[in-house]
Amino acid sequence: MEKILKVITHPVTYTNLMIVGTFILIEFFHTKAHYTMEVDVHGVCLKHQMNSPVTELDTFEEDY
């Protein structure tokens, strides 16, 4: 039991838990933003381009 307590209270364990916890928190808010779609999580430029009138210059194809 004493060895487990030493491992749990070690600073490296705290650092790892803080890093993993931060990633989990970021992913939670990111996924929540996708579900609610109150903010444009990705594709701000694409959203702007979709709302503007389409012209011949607005193409995604490469000219080879």
PDB file of N, CA and C in Angstrom:
ATOM      1  N   MET A   1       0.820  -1.193   0.000  1.00  0.00           N
ATOM      2  CA  MET A   1       0.000   0.000   0.000  1.00  0.00           C
ATOM      3  C   MET A   1       0.862   1.254   0.000  1.00  0.00           C
ATOM      4  N   GLU A   2       1.979   1.196   0.709  1.00  0.00           N
ATOM      5  CA  GLU A   2       2.869   2.359   0.778  1.00  0.00           C
ATOM      6  C   GLU A   2       3.493   2.662  -0.585  1.00  0.00           C
ATOM      7  N   LYS A   3       3.827   1.607  -1.331  1.00  0.00           N
ATOM      8  CA  LYS A   3       4.418   1.810  -2.655  1.00  0.00           C
ATOM      9  C   LYS A   3       3.405   2.439  -3.616  1.00  0.00           C
ATOM     10  N   ILE A   4       2.157   2.005  -3.540  1.00  0.00           N
ATOM     11  CA  ILE A   4       1.118   2.583  -4.396  1.00  0.00           C
ATOM     12  C   ILE A   4       0.914   4.050  -4.059  1.00  0.00           C
ATOM     13  N   LEU A   5       0.936   4.383  -2.784  1.00  0.00           N
ATOM     14  CA  LEU A   5       0.779   5.760  -2.358  1.00  0.00           C
ATOM     15  C   LEU A   5       1.929   6.629  -2.851  1.00  0.00           C
ATOM     16  N   LYS A   6       3.144   6.084  -2.870  1.00  0.00           N
ATOM     17  CA  LYS A   6       4.291   6.833  -3.389  1.00  0.00           C
ATOM     18  C   LYS A   6       4.140   7.092  -4.889  1.00  0.00           C
ATOM     19  N   VAL A   7       3.653   6.107  -5.610  1.00  0.00           N
ATOM     20  CA  VAL A   7       3.478   6.265  -7.056  1.00  0.00           C
ATOM     21  C   VAL A   7       2.385   7.286  -7.347  1.00  0.00           C
ATOM     22  N   ILE A   8       1.286   7.217  -6.622  1.00  0.00           N
ATOM     23  CA  ILE A   8       0.173   8.128  -6.870  1.00  0.00           C
ATOM     24  C   ILE A   8       0.553   9.566  -6.533  1.00  0.00           C
ATOM     25  N   THR A   9       1.328   9.762  -5.488  1.00  0.00           N
ATOM     26  CA  THR A   9       1.680  11.118  -5.067  1.00  0.00           C
ATOM     27  C   THR A   9       2.958  11.641  -5.718  1.00  0.00           C
ATOM     28  N   HIS A  10       3.510  10.911  -6.662  1.00  0.00           N
ATOM     29  CA  HIS A  10       4.732  11.356  -7.344  1.00  0.00           C
ATOM     30  C   HIS A  10       4.413  12.512  -8.296  1.00  0.00           C
ATOM     31  N   PRO A  11       5.298  13.501  -8.411  1.00  0.00           N
ATOM     32  CA  PRO A  11       5.045  14.647  -9.296  1.00  0.00           C
ATOM     33  C   PRO A  11       4.858  14.271 -10.769  1.00  0.00           C
ATOM     34  N   VAL A  12       5.531  13.230 -11.228  1.00  0.00           N
ATOM     35  CA  VAL A  12       5.367  12.806 -12.621  1.00  0.00           C
ATOM     36  C   VAL A  12       3.945  12.292 -12.853  1.00  0.00           C
ATOM     37  N   THR A  13       3.397  11.591 -11.878  1.00  0.00           N
ATOM     38  CA  THR A  13       2.020  11.113 -11.995  1.00  0.00           C
ATOM     39  C   THR A  13       1.054  12.289 -12.072  1.00  0.00           C
ATOM     40  N   TYR A  14       1.276  13.299 -11.235  1.00  0.00           N
ATOM     41  CA  TYR A  14       0.435  14.491 -11.292  1.00  0.00           C
ATOM     42  C   TYR A  14       0.538  15.174 -12.655  1.00  0.00           C
ATOM     43  N   THR A  15       1.746  15.267 -13.188  1.00  0.00           N
ATOM     44  CA  THR A  15       1.939  15.907 -14.495  1.00  0.00           C
ATOM     45  C   THR A  15       1.208  15.130 -15.585  1.00  0.00           C
ATOM     46  N   ASN A  16       1.336  13.818 -15.572  1.00  0.00           N
ATOM     47  CA  ASN A  16       0.645  13.000 -16.579  1.00  0.00           C
ATOM     48  C   ASN A  16      -0.863  13.139 -16.467  1.00  0.00           C
ATOM     49  N   LEU A  17      -1.376  13.137 -15.252  1.00  0.00           N
ATOM     50  CA  LEU A  17      -2.818  13.290 -15.075  1.00  0.00           C
ATOM     51  C   LEU A  17      -3.292  14.662 -15.519  1.00  0.00           C
ATOM     52  N   MET A  18      -2.496  15.692 -15.282  1.00  0.00           N
ATOM     53  CA  MET A  18      -2.877  17.030 -15.723  1.00  0.00           C
ATOM     54  C   MET A  18      -2.883  17.129 -17.242  1.00  0.00           C
ATOM     55  N   ILE A  19      -1.900  16.531 -17.908  1.00  0.00           N
ATOM     56  CA  ILE A  19      -1.836  16.570 -19.371  1.00  0.00           C
ATOM     57  C   ILE A  19      -3.016  15.806 -19.971  1.00  0.00           C
ATOM     58  N   VAL A  20      -3.250  14.596 -19.495  1.00  0.00           N
ATOM     59  CA  VAL A  20      -4.357  13.794 -20.017  1.00  0.00           C
ATOM     60  C   VAL A  20      -5.695  14.471 -19.704  1.00  0.00           C
ATOM     61  N   GLY A  21      -5.823  15.020 -18.511  1.00  0.00           N
ATOM     62  CA  GLY A  21      -7.047  15.717 -18.149  1.00  0.00           C
ATOM     63  C   GLY A  21      -7.305  16.921 -19.025  1.00  0.00           C
ATOM     64  N   THR A  22      -6.236  17.649 -19.372  1.00  0.00           N
ATOM     65  CA  THR A  22      -6.383  18.802 -20.259  1.00  0.00           C
ATOM     66  C   THR A  22      -6.849  18.371 -21.637  1.00  0.00           C
ATOM     67  N   PHE A  23      -6.277  17.293 -22.167  1.00  0.00           N
ATOM     68  CA  PHE A  23      -6.704  16.795 -23.472  1.00  0.00           C
ATOM     69  C   PHE A  23      -8.159  16.339 -23.446  1.00  0.00           C
ATOM     70  N   ILE A  24      -8.566  15.680 -22.380  1.00  0.00           N
ATOM     71  CA  ILE A  24      -9.955  15.228 -22.269  1.00  0.00           C
ATOM     72  C   ILE A  24     -10.894  16.424 -22.204  1.00  0.00           C
ATOM     73  N   LEU A  25     -10.517  17.450 -21.461  1.00  0.00           N
ATOM     74  CA  LEU A  25     -11.341  18.652 -21.353  1.00  0.00           C
ATOM     75  C   LEU A  25     -11.467  19.364 -22.698  1.00  0.00           C
ATOM     76  N   ILE A  26     -10.357  19.491 -23.422  1.00  0.00           N
ATOM     77  CA  ILE A  26     -10.383  20.127 -24.745  1.00  0.00           C
ATOM     78  C   ILE A  26     -11.265  19.331 -25.704  1.00  0.00           C
ATOM     79  N   GLU A  27     -11.114  18.015 -25.700  1.00  0.00           N
ATOM     80  CA  GLU A  27     -11.909  17.178 -26.603  1.00  0.00           C
ATOM     81  C   GLU A  27     -13.394  17.256 -26.252  1.00  0.00           C
ATOM     82  N   PHE A  28     -13.713  17.332 -24.975  1.00  0.00           N
ATOM     83  CA  PHE A  28     -15.112  17.452 -24.557  1.00  0.00           C
ATOM     84  C   PHE A  28     -15.736  18.732 -25.110  1.00  0.00           C
ATOM     85  N   PHE A  29     -15.074  19.866 -24.926  1.00  0.00           N
ATOM     86  CA  PHE A  29     -15.620  21.125 -25.421  1.00  0.00           C
ATOM     87  C   PHE A  29     -15.639  21.176 -26.947  1.00  0.00           C
ATOM     88  N   HIS A  30     -14.648  20.578 -27.580  1.00  0.00           N
ATOM     89  CA  HIS A  30     -14.595  20.544 -29.040  1.00  0.00           C
ATOM     90  C   HIS A  30     -15.771  19.737 -29.593  1.00  0.00           C
ATOM     91  N   THR A  31     -16.003  18.565 -29.021  1.00  0.00           N
ATOM     92  CA  THR A  31     -17.102  17.726 -29.481  1.00  0.00           C
ATOM     93  C   THR A  31     -18.446  18.376 -29.189  1.00  0.00           C
ATOM     94  N   LYS A  32     -18.577  19.023 -28.035  1.00  0.00           N
ATOM     95  CA  LYS A  32     -19.810  19.726 -27.697  1.00  0.00           C
ATOM     96  C   LYS A  32     -20.082  20.850 -28.698  1.00  0.00           C
ATOM     97  N   ALA A  33     -19.033  21.559 -29.115  1.00  0.00           N
ATOM     98  CA  ALA A  33     -19.206  22.624 -30.104  1.00  0.00           C
ATOM     99  C   ALA A  33     -19.658  22.057 -31.442  1.00  0.00           C
ATOM    100  N   HIS A  34     -19.181  20.875 -31.807  1.00  0.00           N
ATOM    101  CA  HIS A  34     -19.637  20.251 -33.050  1.00  0.00           C
ATOM    102  C   HIS A  34     -21.108  19.880 -32.967  1.00  0.00           C
ATOM    103  N   TYR A  35     -21.541  19.370 -31.832  1.00  0.00           N
ATOM    104  CA  TYR A  35     -22.934  18.944 -31.702  1.00  0.00           C
ATOM    105  C   TYR A  35     -23.889  20.126 -31.668  1.00  0.00           C
ATOM    106  N   THR A  36     -23.525  21.189 -30.979  1.00  0.00           N
ATOM    107  CA  THR A  36     -24.432  22.329 -30.893  1.00  0.00           C
ATOM    108  C   THR A  36     -24.310  23.232 -32.111  1.00  0.00           C
ATOM    109  N   MET A  37     -23.154  23.284 -32.730  1.00  0.00           N
ATOM    110  CA  MET A  37     -22.867  24.088 -33.915  1.00  0.00           C
ATOM    111  C   MET A  37     -23.236  25.555 -33.725  1.00  0.00           C
ATOM    112  N   GLU A  38     -23.066  26.060 -32.508  1.00  0.00           N
ATOM    113  CA  GLU A  38     -23.258  27.490 -32.284  1.00  0.00           C
ATOM    114  C   GLU A  38     -22.048  28.277 -32.793  1.00  0.00           C
ATOM    115  N   VAL A  39     -20.922  27.610 -32.878  1.00  0.00           N
ATOM    116  CA  VAL A  39     -19.715  28.223 -33.430  1.00  0.00           C
ATOM    117  C   VAL A  39     -19.218  27.340 -34.554  1.00  0.00           C
ATOM    118  N   ASP A  40     -18.568  27.951 -35.511  1.00  0.00           N
ATOM    119  CA  ASP A  40     -17.995  27.195 -36.614  1.00  0.00           C
ATOM    120  C   ASP A  40     -16.641  26.672 -36.155  1.00  0.00           C
ATOM    121  N   VAL A  41     -16.598  25.420 -35.741  1.00  0.00           N
ATOM    122  CA  VAL A  41     -15.396  24.865 -35.156  1.00  0.00           C
ATOM    123  C   VAL A  41     -14.283  24.779 -36.185  1.00  0.00           C
ATOM    124  N   HIS A  42     -14.613  24.339 -37.374  1.00  0.00           N
ATOM    125  CA  HIS A  42     -13.644  24.237 -38.466  1.00  0.00           C
ATOM    126  C   HIS A  42     -14.243  24.906 -39.700  1.00  0.00           C
ATOM    127  N   GLY A  43     -13.409  25.247 -40.632  1.00  0.00           N
ATOM    128  CA  GLY A  43     -13.881  25.698 -41.932  1.00  0.00           C
ATOM    129  C   GLY A  43     -14.475  27.082 -41.965  1.00  0.00           C
ATOM    130  N   VAL A  44     -13.857  28.034 -41.299  1.00  0.00           N
ATOM    131  CA  VAL A  44     -14.367  29.402 -41.333  1.00  0.00           C
ATOM    132  C   VAL A  44     -14.304  29.938 -42.751  1.00  0.00           C
ATOM    133  N   CYS A  45     -13.230  29.674 -43.428  1.00  0.00           N
ATOM    134  CA  CYS A  45     -13.087  30.158 -44.808  1.00  0.00           C
ATOM    135  C   CYS A  45     -14.084  29.459 -45.731  1.00  0.00           C
ATOM    136  N   LEU A  46     -14.290  28.164 -45.523  1.00  0.00           N
ATOM    137  CA  LEU A  46     -15.241  27.433 -46.362  1.00  0.00           C
ATOM    138  C   LEU A  46     -16.655  27.953 -46.144  1.00  0.00           C
ATOM    139  N   LYS A  47     -17.004  28.261 -44.906  1.00  0.00           N
ATOM    140  CA  LYS A  47     -18.324  28.806 -44.626  1.00  0.00           C
ATOM    141  C   LYS A  47     -18.506  30.153 -45.318  1.00  0.00           C
ATOM    142  N   HIS A  48     -17.476  30.984 -45.286  1.00  0.00           N
ATOM    143  CA  HIS A  48     -17.544  32.279 -45.959  1.00  0.00           C
ATOM    144  C   HIS A  48     -17.675  32.092 -47.465  1.00  0.00           C
ATOM    145  N   GLN A  49     -16.947  31.127 -48.011  1.00  0.00           N
ATOM    146  CA  GLN A  49     -16.985  30.904 -49.454  1.00  0.00           C
ATOM    147  C   GLN A  49     -18.333  30.325 -49.879  1.00  0.00           C
ATOM    148  N   MET A  50     -18.953  29.509 -49.048  1.00  0.00           N
ATOM    149  CA  MET A  50     -20.247  28.925 -49.401  1.00  0.00           C
ATOM    150  C   MET A  50     -21.350  29.975 -49.386  1.00  0.00           C
ATOM    151  N   ASN A  51     -21.213  31.024 -48.594  1.00  0.00           N
ATOM    152  CA  ASN A  51     -22.234  32.058 -48.531  1.00  0.00           C
ATOM    153  C   ASN A  51     -22.056  33.125 -49.602  1.00  0.00           C
ATOM    154  N   SER A  52     -20.899  33.189 -50.220  1.00  0.00           N
ATOM    155  CA  SER A  52     -20.670  34.174 -51.269  1.00  0.00           C
ATOM    156  C   SER A  52     -21.124  33.603 -52.613  1.00  0.00           C
ATOM    157  N   PRO A  53     -21.442  34.460 -53.569  1.00  0.00           N
ATOM    158  CA  PRO A  53     -21.839  33.954 -54.890  1.00  0.00           C
ATOM    159  C   PRO A  53     -20.681  33.209 -55.563  1.00  0.00           C
ATOM    160  N   VAL A  54     -21.018  32.167 -56.259  1.00  0.00           N
ATOM    161  CA  VAL A  54     -20.001  31.335 -56.902  1.00  0.00           C
ATOM    162  C   VAL A  54     -19.542  32.009 -58.194  1.00  0.00           C
ATOM    163  N   THR A  55     -18.251  32.117 -58.348  1.00  0.00           N
ATOM    164  CA  THR A  55     -17.675  32.652 -59.568  1.00  0.00           C
ATOM    165  C   THR A  55     -16.744  31.619 -60.168  1.00  0.00           C
ATOM    166  N   GLU A  56     -16.228  31.896 -61.323  1.00  0.00           N
ATOM    167  CA  GLU A  56     -15.328  30.951 -61.965  1.00  0.00           C
ATOM    168  C   GLU A  56     -14.001  30.844 -61.224  1.00  0.00           C
ATOM    169  N   LEU A  57     -13.640  31.868 -60.477  1.00  0.00           N
ATOM    170  CA  LEU A  57     -12.372  31.819 -59.750  1.00  0.00           C
ATOM    171  C   LEU A  57     -12.450  31.006 -58.468  1.00  0.00           C
ATOM    172  N   ASP A  58     -13.649  30.716 -57.994  1.00  0.00           N
ATOM    173  CA  ASP A  58     -13.818  29.963 -56.765  1.00  0.00           C
ATOM    174  C   ASP A  58     -13.873  28.469 -57.048  1.00  0.00           C
ATOM    175  N   THR A  59     -12.783  27.886 -57.430  1.00  0.00           N
ATOM    176  CA  THR A  59     -12.730  26.464 -57.675  1.00  0.00           C
ATOM    177  C   THR A  59     -11.697  25.845 -56.752  1.00  0.00           C
ATOM    178  N   PHE A  60     -11.926  24.582 -56.414  1.00  0.00           N
ATOM    179  CA  PHE A  60     -10.993  23.847 -55.571  1.00  0.00           C
ATOM    180  C   PHE A  60     -10.076  22.954 -56.388  1.00  0.00           C
ATOM    181  N   GLU A  61     -10.309  22.861 -57.689  1.00  0.00           N
ATOM    182  CA  GLU A  61      -9.529  21.953 -58.519  1.00  0.00           C
ATOM    183  C   GLU A  61      -8.159  22.557 -58.826  1.00  0.00           C
ATOM    184  N   GLU A  62      -7.196  21.662 -58.955  1.00  0.00           N
ATOM    185  CA  GLU A  62      -5.854  22.085 -59.327  1.00  0.00           C
ATOM    186  C   GLU A  62      -5.747  22.158 -60.850  1.00  0.00           C
ATOM    187  N   ASP A  63      -5.041  23.136 -61.343  1.00  0.00           N
ATOM    188  CA  ASP A  63      -4.834  23.255 -62.786  1.00  0.00           C
ATOM    189  C   ASP A  63      -3.518  22.582 -63.151  1.00  0.00           C
ATOM    190  N   TYR A  64      -3.605  21.446 -63.828  1.00  0.00           N
ATOM    191  CA  TYR A  64      -2.390  20.755 -64.254  1.00  0.00           C
ATOM    192  C   TYR A  64      -2.296  20.760 -65.749  1.00  0.00           C
TER     193      TYR A  64
END
